[in-house]
Amino acid sequence: MKILFVENRYKTGLWEVIAKEYEKEGHEIFWIVQNPIFKPSFKNVTVLPFPKKKRLEKIYTPEIQKIINGNRGMNYFGIQSDNFIFWYEKEIEKALDVIMPDLAFGEATLFHELLVINACKRRSILYLNPSTTRYPNNRFSFYLYDTQVPYKGSKDLLSNDMALKTVEAIQARQALPDYMTVLRYKLTGLDWLKDKLRLSLSYYLGERYNTPSPFVKRKINSHYAKNVLRWEEIAVDTTKIKKGFHVLYAMQMQPEANIDVWGYPNNNQTQVIQR
């Protein structure tokens, strides 16, 4: 069987471990890589070239429009033109026509993954997005394409008693999804520095579509820190709020696939609040 993996920055390391196991079982392993800094050590790797300045044919299908509207580079990192979307779309189409995998694994977060998903759908290639489930803990599902629809499953059934206990634990904030639990391994200062240097190198080598400029990133972080301080001031001293009727609307941090991908077309939280 031909199995395709799609690079997703640090998640690529996990994909590599899994891919090596499949390779031992005799499967052919292929890769599509958008960020060459995270290129895996495999034989069949297609590194997508960075966009060149050339006139491109743009066809705004509903699928492409959804990717553009939810793109973090254009929404948050200051990218002005959507040309890169159409460039990568053509390169991915070419790569898939050569590879023609039987199965594809990847996330459904970054724009190039979503383009691979669209291309797989058109070719009837199964694309699975492995991710932890929210409840109960310590489980994961293979989700179909860019949806939250599980592919097959364990067929396990929760008893009514266990289901009620799970609901009560959620209500009492005693149960948290796996992705919200505190990691046992914490980055050291050296790890943090290596990470920043790696991403900065990636940016200056040409990967500017999933990686923001260090200056843009600093600006975003500074803006976020000021908002947190402002909120803390208001939370402890309500006299700092102007008198009147107030509504508290809990927002989610973005960019985040939960909002950008699955929340479309309501992925602009500010507009939702205004409506």
C-alpha atoms as a PDB file:
ATOM      1  CA  MET A   1       0.000   0.000   0.000  1.00  0.00           C
ATOM      2  CA  LYS A   2       1.136   3.547  -0.763  1.00  0.00           C
ATOM      3  CA  ILE A   3       0.818   5.735   2.337  1.00  0.00           C
ATOM      4  CA  LEU A   4       1.252   9.511   2.200  1.00  0.00           C
ATOM      5  CA  PHE A   5       2.143  11.709   5.170  1.00  0.00           C
ATOM      6  CA  VAL A   6       1.815  15.499   5.127  1.00  0.00           C
ATOM      7  CA  GLU A   7       4.408  17.565   6.996  1.00  0.00           C
ATOM      8  CA  ASN A   8       3.131  19.602   9.923  1.00  0.00           C
ATOM      9  CA  ARG A   9       6.148  21.206  11.566  1.00  0.00           C
ATOM     10  CA  TYR A  10       6.801  19.455  14.911  1.00  0.00           C
ATOM     11  CA  LYS A  11       4.050  16.876  14.402  1.00  0.00           C
ATOM     12  CA  THR A  12       6.263  15.557  11.565  1.00  0.00           C
ATOM     13  CA  GLY A  13       8.463  13.830  14.154  1.00  0.00           C
ATOM     14  CA  LEU A  14       5.491  11.746  15.308  1.00  0.00           C
ATOM     15  CA  TRP A  15       4.534  10.969  11.707  1.00  0.00           C
ATOM     16  CA  GLU A  16       8.119   9.751  11.097  1.00  0.00           C
ATOM     17  CA  VAL A  17       7.949   7.221  13.947  1.00  0.00           C
ATOM     18  CA  ILE A  18       4.640   5.857  12.645  1.00  0.00           C
ATOM     19  CA  ALA A  19       5.829   5.860   9.027  1.00  0.00           C
ATOM     20  CA  LYS A  20       8.886   3.757   9.917  1.00  0.00           C
ATOM     21  CA  GLU A  21       6.621   1.123  11.431  1.00  0.00           C
ATOM     22  CA  TYR A  22       4.515   1.030   8.261  1.00  0.00           C
ATOM     23  CA  GLU A  23       7.699   0.783   6.197  1.00  0.00           C
ATOM     24  CA  LYS A  24       8.787  -2.285   8.208  1.00  0.00           C
ATOM     25  CA  GLU A  25       5.475  -3.903   7.277  1.00  0.00           C
ATOM     26  CA  GLY A  26       6.282  -3.440   3.575  1.00  0.00           C
ATOM     27  CA  HIS A  27       4.235  -0.347   2.760  1.00  0.00           C
ATOM     28  CA  GLU A  28       5.593   2.383   0.473  1.00  0.00           C
ATOM     29  CA  ILE A  29       5.922   5.694   2.329  1.00  0.00           C
ATOM     30  CA  PHE A  30       5.631   9.086   0.637  1.00  0.00           C
ATOM     31  CA  TRP A  31       5.763  12.624   1.964  1.00  0.00           C
ATOM     32  CA  ILE A  32       4.571  16.069   0.937  1.00  0.00           C
ATOM     33  CA  VAL A  33       6.565  18.782   2.681  1.00  0.00           C
ATOM     34  CA  GLN A  34       5.783  22.501   2.685  1.00  0.00           C
ATOM     35  CA  ASN A  35       8.476  23.634   5.163  1.00  0.00           C
ATOM     36  CA  PRO A  36      11.866  22.127   4.190  1.00  0.00           C
ATOM     37  CA  ILE A  37      13.286  22.794   7.676  1.00  0.00           C
ATOM     38  CA  PHE A  38      11.072  19.914   8.848  1.00  0.00           C
ATOM     39  CA  LYS A  39      11.902  17.547   5.985  1.00  0.00           C
ATOM     40  CA  PRO A  40      11.841  13.921   7.236  1.00  0.00           C
ATOM     41  CA  SER A  41      14.639  11.421   6.597  1.00  0.00           C
ATOM     42  CA  PHE A  42      12.822   9.286   4.027  1.00  0.00           C
ATOM     43  CA  LYS A  43      13.432   8.417   0.395  1.00  0.00           C
ATOM     44  CA  ASN A  44      10.207   9.506  -1.298  1.00  0.00           C
ATOM     45  CA  VAL A  45       9.855  13.126  -0.177  1.00  0.00           C
ATOM     46  CA  THR A  46       8.270  15.839  -2.326  1.00  0.00           C
ATOM     47  CA  VAL A  47       9.324  19.271  -1.064  1.00  0.00           C
ATOM     48  CA  LEU A  48       6.950  21.847  -2.511  1.00  0.00           C
ATOM     49  CA  PRO A  49       8.865  24.772  -4.044  1.00  0.00           C
ATOM     50  CA  PHE A  50       8.296  28.235  -2.633  1.00  0.00           C
ATOM     51  CA  PRO A  51       6.056  30.435  -4.800  1.00  0.00           C
ATOM     52  CA  LYS A  52       7.554  32.406  -7.672  1.00  0.00           C
ATOM     53  CA  LYS A  53       6.259  35.692  -8.980  1.00  0.00           C
ATOM     54  CA  LYS A  54       4.207  34.712 -11.995  1.00  0.00           C
ATOM     55  CA  ARG A  55       0.683  35.183 -13.262  1.00  0.00           C
ATOM     56  CA  LEU A  56      -1.546  32.428 -11.965  1.00  0.00           C
ATOM     57  CA  GLU A  57      -4.982  31.281 -12.994  1.00  0.00           C
ATOM     58  CA  LYS A  58      -7.248  31.735  -9.975  1.00  0.00           C
ATOM     59  CA  ILE A  59     -10.458  29.748  -9.677  1.00  0.00           C
ATOM     60  CA  TYR A  60     -12.304  30.609  -6.489  1.00  0.00           C
ATOM     61  CA  THR A  61     -14.207  27.434  -5.714  1.00  0.00           C
ATOM     62  CA  PRO A  62     -16.137  27.271  -2.406  1.00  0.00           C
ATOM     63  CA  GLU A  63     -13.427  24.932  -1.046  1.00  0.00           C
ATOM     64  CA  ILE A  64     -10.612  27.328  -1.949  1.00  0.00           C
ATOM     65  CA  GLN A  65     -12.540  30.324  -0.628  1.00  0.00           C
ATOM     66  CA  LYS A  66     -12.961  28.532   2.700  1.00  0.00           C
ATOM     67  CA  ILE A  67      -9.191  27.942   2.929  1.00  0.00           C
ATOM     68  CA  ILE A  68      -8.470  31.580   2.088  1.00  0.00           C
ATOM     69  CA  ASN A  69     -10.986  32.951   4.599  1.00  0.00           C
ATOM     70  CA  GLY A  70      -9.576  30.803   7.385  1.00  0.00           C
ATOM     71  CA  ASN A  71      -5.902  31.272   6.491  1.00  0.00           C
ATOM     72  CA  ARG A  72      -3.844  32.391   9.476  1.00  0.00           C
ATOM     73  CA  GLY A  73      -1.172  33.990   7.308  1.00  0.00           C
ATOM     74  CA  MET A  74      -3.662  36.378   5.732  1.00  0.00           C
ATOM     75  CA  ASN A  75      -5.780  36.876   8.855  1.00  0.00           C
ATOM     76  CA  TYR A  76      -3.012  37.374  11.408  1.00  0.00           C
ATOM     77  CA  PHE A  77       0.483  37.433   9.905  1.00  0.00           C
ATOM     78  CA  GLY A  78       0.128  40.250   7.388  1.00  0.00           C
ATOM     79  CA  ILE A  79       0.152  38.328   4.062  1.00  0.00           C
ATOM     80  CA  GLN A  80      -1.601  40.589   1.538  1.00  0.00           C
ATOM     81  CA  SER A  81      -2.091  38.385  -1.526  1.00  0.00           C
ATOM     82  CA  ASP A  82      -3.738  34.968  -1.900  1.00  0.00           C
ATOM     83  CA  ASN A  83      -1.454  34.043  -4.834  1.00  0.00           C
ATOM     84  CA  PHE A  84       0.443  31.515  -2.710  1.00  0.00           C
ATOM     85  CA  ILE A  85      -2.728  29.466  -2.174  1.00  0.00           C
ATOM     86  CA  PHE A  86      -3.130  28.898  -5.915  1.00  0.00           C
ATOM     87  CA  TRP A  87       0.599  28.251  -6.378  1.00  0.00           C
ATOM     88  CA  TYR A  88       0.592  25.495  -3.752  1.00  0.00           C
ATOM     89  CA  GLU A  89      -2.696  24.103  -5.026  1.00  0.00           C
ATOM     90  CA  LYS A  90      -1.118  23.409  -8.435  1.00  0.00           C
ATOM     91  CA  GLU A  91       2.066  21.961  -6.930  1.00  0.00           C
ATOM     92  CA  ILE A  92       0.083  19.651  -4.647  1.00  0.00           C
ATOM     93  CA  GLU A  93      -2.124  18.520  -7.529  1.00  0.00           C
ATOM     94  CA  LYS A  94       0.992  17.616  -9.531  1.00  0.00           C
ATOM     95  CA  ALA A  95       2.551  15.742  -6.613  1.00  0.00           C
ATOM     96  CA  LEU A  96      -0.581  13.704  -5.933  1.00  0.00           C
ATOM     97  CA  ASP A  97      -0.950  12.779  -9.611  1.00  0.00           C
ATOM     98  CA  VAL A  98       2.559  11.294  -9.445  1.00  0.00           C
ATOM     99  CA  ILE A  99       2.243   9.574  -6.048  1.00  0.00           C
ATOM    100  CA  MET A 100      -1.430   8.487  -6.194  1.00  0.00           C
ATOM    101  CA  PRO A 101      -1.425   7.108  -2.635  1.00  0.00           C
ATOM    102  CA  ASP A 102      -3.962   4.647  -1.294  1.00  0.00           C
ATOM    103  CA  LEU A 103      -4.139   6.431   2.046  1.00  0.00           C
ATOM    104  CA  ALA A 104      -3.042   9.811   3.442  1.00  0.00           C
ATOM    105  CA  PHE A 105      -2.356  10.916   7.023  1.00  0.00           C
ATOM    106  CA  GLY A 106      -2.058  14.496   8.215  1.00  0.00           C
ATOM    107  CA  GLU A 107      -3.600  17.252  10.267  1.00  0.00           C
ATOM    108  CA  ALA A 108      -6.341  19.591   9.055  1.00  0.00           C
ATOM    109  CA  THR A 109      -4.879  22.856  10.302  1.00  0.00           C
ATOM    110  CA  LEU A 110      -2.391  24.504   7.928  1.00  0.00           C
ATOM    111  CA  PHE A 111      -3.373  25.683   4.455  1.00  0.00           C
ATOM    112  CA  HIS A 112      -1.225  23.149   2.585  1.00  0.00           C
ATOM    113  CA  GLU A 113      -2.848  20.295   4.518  1.00  0.00           C
ATOM    114  CA  LEU A 114      -6.294  21.600   3.600  1.00  0.00           C
ATOM    115  CA  LEU A 115      -5.209  21.799  -0.056  1.00  0.00           C
ATOM    116  CA  VAL A 116      -4.010  18.176   0.117  1.00  0.00           C
ATOM    117  CA  ILE A 117      -7.383  17.225   1.619  1.00  0.00           C
ATOM    118  CA  ASN A 118      -9.242  18.893  -1.262  1.00  0.00           C
ATOM    119  CA  ALA A 119      -7.043  17.147  -3.804  1.00  0.00           C
ATOM    120  CA  CYS A 120      -7.545  13.781  -2.055  1.00  0.00           C
ATOM    121  CA  LYS A 121     -11.320  14.214  -2.079  1.00  0.00           C
ATOM    122  CA  ARG A 122     -11.306  14.807  -5.829  1.00  0.00           C
ATOM    123  CA  ARG A 123      -9.296  11.618  -6.347  1.00  0.00           C
ATOM    124  CA  SER A 124     -11.292   9.531  -3.826  1.00  0.00           C
ATOM    125  CA  ILE A 125      -8.163   9.057  -1.683  1.00  0.00           C
ATOM    126  CA  LEU A 126      -8.893   8.461   1.994  1.00  0.00           C
ATOM    127  CA  TYR A 127      -7.324  11.203   4.172  1.00  0.00           C
ATOM    128  CA  LEU A 128      -7.315  10.607   7.928  1.00  0.00           C
ATOM    129  CA  ASN A 129      -6.622  13.211  10.595  1.00  0.00           C
ATOM    130  CA  PRO A 130      -5.577  11.442  13.833  1.00  0.00           C
ATOM    131  CA  SER A 131      -6.403  13.521  16.903  1.00  0.00           C
ATOM    132  CA  THR A 132      -7.197  13.057  20.569  1.00  0.00           C
ATOM    133  CA  THR A 133     -10.852  12.975  21.506  1.00  0.00           C
ATOM    134  CA  ARG A 134     -12.146  15.480  24.021  1.00  0.00           C
ATOM    135  CA  TYR A 135     -14.056  13.066  26.279  1.00  0.00           C
ATOM    136  CA  PRO A 136     -13.439  10.479  27.587  1.00  0.00           C
ATOM    137  CA  ASN A 137      -9.698  11.039  28.088  1.00  0.00           C
ATOM    138  CA  ASN A 138      -6.799   8.917  26.860  1.00  0.00           C
ATOM    139  CA  ARG A 139      -8.340   8.118  23.486  1.00  0.00           C
ATOM    140  CA  PHE A 140      -7.927   9.314  19.928  1.00  0.00           C
ATOM    141  CA  SER A 141      -9.892   9.081  16.716  1.00  0.00           C
ATOM    142  CA  PHE A 142      -9.124   9.063  13.024  1.00  0.00           C
ATOM    143  CA  TYR A 143     -11.240  11.880  11.625  1.00  0.00           C
ATOM    144  CA  LEU A 144     -12.285  12.002   7.970  1.00  0.00           C
ATOM    145  CA  TYR A 145     -10.568  14.703   5.914  1.00  0.00           C
ATOM    146  CA  ASP A 146     -11.121  18.150   7.523  1.00  0.00           C
ATOM    147  CA  THR A 147     -14.189  17.116   9.518  1.00  0.00           C
ATOM    148  CA  GLN A 148     -14.807  15.925  13.058  1.00  0.00           C
ATOM    149  CA  VAL A 149     -16.524  12.796  11.753  1.00  0.00           C
ATOM    150  CA  PRO A 150     -14.678   9.704  13.056  1.00  0.00           C
ATOM    151  CA  TYR A 151     -13.643   6.953  10.643  1.00  0.00           C
ATOM    152  CA  LYS A 152     -14.965   3.637  11.964  1.00  0.00           C
ATOM    153  CA  GLY A 153     -14.028   3.339  15.656  1.00  0.00           C
ATOM    154  CA  SER A 154     -13.645   0.923  18.541  1.00  0.00           C
ATOM    155  CA  LYS A 155     -17.406   0.226  18.810  1.00  0.00           C
ATOM    156  CA  ASP A 156     -17.081   0.719  22.593  1.00  0.00           C
ATOM    157  CA  LEU A 157     -20.221   1.954  24.343  1.00  0.00           C
ATOM    158  CA  LEU A 158     -20.301   3.991  27.542  1.00  0.00           C
ATOM    159  CA  SER A 159     -22.705   2.708  30.173  1.00  0.00           C
ATOM    160  CA  ASN A 160     -25.296   5.208  31.378  1.00  0.00           C
ATOM    161  CA  ASP A 161     -23.544   5.313  34.748  1.00  0.00           C
ATOM    162  CA  MET A 162     -20.153   6.075  33.195  1.00  0.00           C
ATOM    163  CA  ALA A 163     -21.675   8.681  30.863  1.00  0.00           C
ATOM    164  CA  LEU A 164     -23.317  10.498  33.794  1.00  0.00           C
ATOM    165  CA  LYS A 165     -20.070  10.415  35.794  1.00  0.00           C
ATOM    166  CA  THR A 166     -18.214  11.898  32.806  1.00  0.00           C
ATOM    167  CA  VAL A 167     -20.786  14.708  32.492  1.00  0.00           C
ATOM    168  CA  GLU A 168     -20.591  15.445  36.220  1.00  0.00           C
ATOM    169  CA  ALA A 169     -16.787  15.540  36.093  1.00  0.00           C
ATOM    170  CA  ILE A 170     -16.923  18.023  33.193  1.00  0.00           C
ATOM    171  CA  GLN A 171     -19.415  20.216  35.073  1.00  0.00           C
ATOM    172  CA  ALA A 172     -17.216  20.174  38.172  1.00  0.00           C
ATOM    173  CA  ARG A 173     -14.104  20.978  36.085  1.00  0.00           C
ATOM    174  CA  GLN A 174     -12.548  17.732  37.282  1.00  0.00           C
ATOM    175  CA  ALA A 175     -12.141  16.393  33.732  1.00  0.00           C
ATOM    176  CA  LEU A 176     -10.096  18.159  31.074  1.00  0.00           C
ATOM    177  CA  PRO A 177      -9.434  17.123  27.463  1.00  0.00           C
ATOM    178  CA  ASP A 178      -5.954  15.680  26.925  1.00  0.00           C
ATOM    179  CA  TYR A 179      -4.775  18.730  24.989  1.00  0.00           C
ATOM    180  CA  MET A 180      -5.511  20.972  28.014  1.00  0.00           C
ATOM    181  CA  THR A 181      -3.568  18.957  30.583  1.00  0.00           C
ATOM    182  CA  VAL A 182      -0.178  20.178  31.789  1.00  0.00           C
ATOM    183  CA  LEU A 183       2.700  18.609  29.871  1.00  0.00           C
ATOM    184  CA  ARG A 184       5.152  16.613  31.917  1.00  0.00           C
ATOM    185  CA  TYR A 185       8.031  17.776  29.730  1.00  0.00           C
ATOM    186  CA  LYS A 186       8.784  21.478  29.788  1.00  0.00           C
ATOM    187  CA  LEU A 187      11.016  23.331  27.364  1.00  0.00           C
ATOM    188  CA  THR A 188      14.266  24.645  28.794  1.00  0.00           C
ATOM    189  CA  GLY A 189      15.550  28.108  27.925  1.00  0.00           C
ATOM    190  CA  LEU A 190      17.966  26.500  25.453  1.00  0.00           C
ATOM    191  CA  ASP A 191      15.136  24.530  23.823  1.00  0.00           C
ATOM    192  CA  TRP A 192      13.128  27.737  23.482  1.00  0.00           C
ATOM    193  CA  LEU A 193      16.085  29.551  21.889  1.00  0.00           C
ATOM    194  CA  LYS A 194      16.765  26.702  19.438  1.00  0.00           C
ATOM    195  CA  ASP A 195      13.109  26.710  18.439  1.00  0.00           C
ATOM    196  CA  LYS A 196      13.104  30.472  17.781  1.00  0.00           C
ATOM    197  CA  LEU A 197      16.311  30.258  15.762  1.00  0.00           C
ATOM    198  CA  ARG A 198      14.955  27.340  13.724  1.00  0.00           C
ATOM    199  CA  LEU A 199      11.711  29.135  12.882  1.00  0.00           C
ATOM    200  CA  SER A 200      13.549  32.382  12.105  1.00  0.00           C
ATOM    201  CA  LEU A 201      15.889  30.507   9.753  1.00  0.00           C
ATOM    202  CA  SER A 202      12.873  28.886   8.122  1.00  0.00           C
ATOM    203  CA  TYR A 203      11.302  32.309   7.570  1.00  0.00           C
ATOM    204  CA  TYR A 204      14.412  33.867   6.047  1.00  0.00           C
ATOM    205  CA  LEU A 205      14.942  30.862   3.751  1.00  0.00           C
ATOM    206  CA  GLY A 206      11.538  31.569   2.226  1.00  0.00           C
ATOM    207  CA  GLU A 207       8.851  29.847   4.321  1.00  0.00           C
ATOM    208  CA  ARG A 208       6.632  32.857   4.998  1.00  0.00           C
ATOM    209  CA  TYR A 209       3.209  31.279   4.616  1.00  0.00           C
ATOM    210  CA  ASN A 210       2.852  29.244   7.826  1.00  0.00           C
ATOM    211  CA  THR A 211       5.613  31.090   9.694  1.00  0.00           C
ATOM    212  CA  PRO A 212       5.165  34.756  10.646  1.00  0.00           C
ATOM    213  CA  SER A 213       7.987  37.265  10.581  1.00  0.00           C
ATOM    214  CA  PRO A 214       9.763  37.410  13.978  1.00  0.00           C
ATOM    215  CA  PHE A 215       8.762  41.099  14.127  1.00  0.00           C
ATOM    216  CA  VAL A 216       5.090  40.316  13.416  1.00  0.00           C
ATOM    217  CA  LYS A 217       5.178  37.531  16.006  1.00  0.00           C
ATOM    218  CA  ARG A 218       6.642  39.916  18.584  1.00  0.00           C
ATOM    219  CA  LYS A 219       3.939  42.481  17.813  1.00  0.00           C
ATOM    220  CA  ILE A 220       1.183  39.855  18.211  1.00  0.00           C
ATOM    221  CA  ASN A 221       2.647  38.646  21.521  1.00  0.00           C
ATOM    222  CA  SER A 222       2.967  42.213  22.802  1.00  0.00           C
ATOM    223  CA  HIS A 223      -0.650  42.974  21.897  1.00  0.00           C
ATOM    224  CA  TYR A 224      -1.777  39.773  23.610  1.00  0.00           C
ATOM    225  CA  ALA A 225       0.207  40.579  26.780  1.00  0.00           C
ATOM    226  CA  LYS A 226      -1.365  44.053  26.986  1.00  0.00           C
ATOM    227  CA  ASN A 227      -4.854  42.580  26.632  1.00  0.00           C
ATOM    228  CA  VAL A 228      -4.154  40.085  29.420  1.00  0.00           C
ATOM    229  CA  LEU A 229      -2.948  42.874  31.734  1.00  0.00           C
ATOM    230  CA  ARG A 230      -6.003  44.978  30.896  1.00  0.00           C
ATOM    231  CA  TRP A 231      -8.311  42.049  31.643  1.00  0.00           C
ATOM    232  CA  GLU A 232      -6.594  41.364  34.972  1.00  0.00           C
ATOM    233  CA  GLU A 233      -7.066  45.010  35.983  1.00  0.00           C
ATOM    234  CA  ILE A 234     -10.781  44.895  35.160  1.00  0.00           C
ATOM    235  CA  ALA A 235     -11.283  41.501  36.794  1.00  0.00           C
ATOM    236  CA  VAL A 236     -10.055  42.724  40.205  1.00  0.00           C
ATOM    237  CA  ASP A 237     -11.425  46.271  40.027  1.00  0.00           C
ATOM    238  CA  THR A 238     -14.750  46.690  38.230  1.00  0.00           C
ATOM    239  CA  THR A 239     -14.685  50.442  38.842  1.00  0.00           C
ATOM    240  CA  LYS A 240     -12.297  50.615  35.882  1.00  0.00           C
ATOM    241  CA  ILE A 241     -15.193  49.696  33.587  1.00  0.00           C
ATOM    242  CA  LYS A 242     -17.437  52.506  32.361  1.00  0.00           C
ATOM    243  CA  LYS A 243     -20.917  52.450  33.856  1.00  0.00           C
ATOM    244  CA  GLY A 244     -23.650  50.802  31.826  1.00  0.00           C
ATOM    245  CA  PHE A 245     -24.876  47.419  30.654  1.00  0.00           C
ATOM    246  CA  HIS A 246     -22.046  44.972  29.913  1.00  0.00           C
ATOM    247  CA  VAL A 247     -21.856  41.595  28.214  1.00  0.00           C
ATOM    248  CA  LEU A 248     -19.000  39.185  28.874  1.00  0.00           C
ATOM    249  CA  TYR A 249     -18.211  37.142  25.758  1.00  0.00           C
ATOM    250  CA  ALA A 250     -15.655  34.379  26.231  1.00  0.00           C
ATOM    251  CA  MET A 251     -13.449  34.257  23.117  1.00  0.00           C
ATOM    252  CA  GLN A 252     -11.005  31.596  21.998  1.00  0.00           C
ATOM    253  CA  MET A 253      -7.393  32.290  21.125  1.00  0.00           C
ATOM    254  CA  GLN A 254      -6.721  32.429  17.383  1.00  0.00           C
ATOM    255  CA  PRO A 255      -5.225  31.170  15.122  1.00  0.00           C
ATOM    256  CA  GLU A 256      -6.784  27.856  16.102  1.00  0.00           C
ATOM    257  CA  ALA A 257      -8.194  25.094  13.907  1.00  0.00           C
ATOM    258  CA  ASN A 258     -11.302  24.772  16.086  1.00  0.00           C
ATOM    259  CA  ILE A 259     -12.326  28.250  14.926  1.00  0.00           C
ATOM    260  CA  ASP A 260     -10.468  28.825  11.638  1.00  0.00           C
ATOM    261  CA  VAL A 261     -11.303  25.469  10.025  1.00  0.00           C
ATOM    262  CA  TRP A 262     -14.373  24.064  11.757  1.00  0.00           C
ATOM    263  CA  GLY A 263     -15.902  27.425  12.668  1.00  0.00           C
ATOM    264  CA  TYR A 264     -16.151  28.675   9.067  1.00  0.00           C
ATOM    265  CA  PRO A 265     -18.061  30.766   7.979  1.00  0.00           C
ATOM    266  CA  ASN A 266     -18.369  32.088  11.546  1.00  0.00           C
ATOM    267  CA  ASN A 267     -14.631  32.076  12.209  1.00  0.00           C
ATOM    268  CA  ASN A 268     -14.371  35.842  12.769  1.00  0.00           C
ATOM    269  CA  GLN A 269     -15.296  36.077  16.447  1.00  0.00           C
ATOM    270  CA  THR A 270     -15.433  39.877  16.435  1.00  0.00           C
ATOM    271  CA  GLN A 271     -18.041  39.844  13.676  1.00  0.00           C
ATOM    272  CA  VAL A 272     -20.034  37.193  15.572  1.00  0.00           C
ATOM    273  CA  ILE A 273     -20.106  39.450  18.641  1.00  0.00           C
ATOM    274  CA  GLN A 274     -21.092  42.485  16.578  1.00  0.00           C
ATOM    275  CA  ARG A 275     -23.986  40.574  14.976  1.00  0.00           C
END
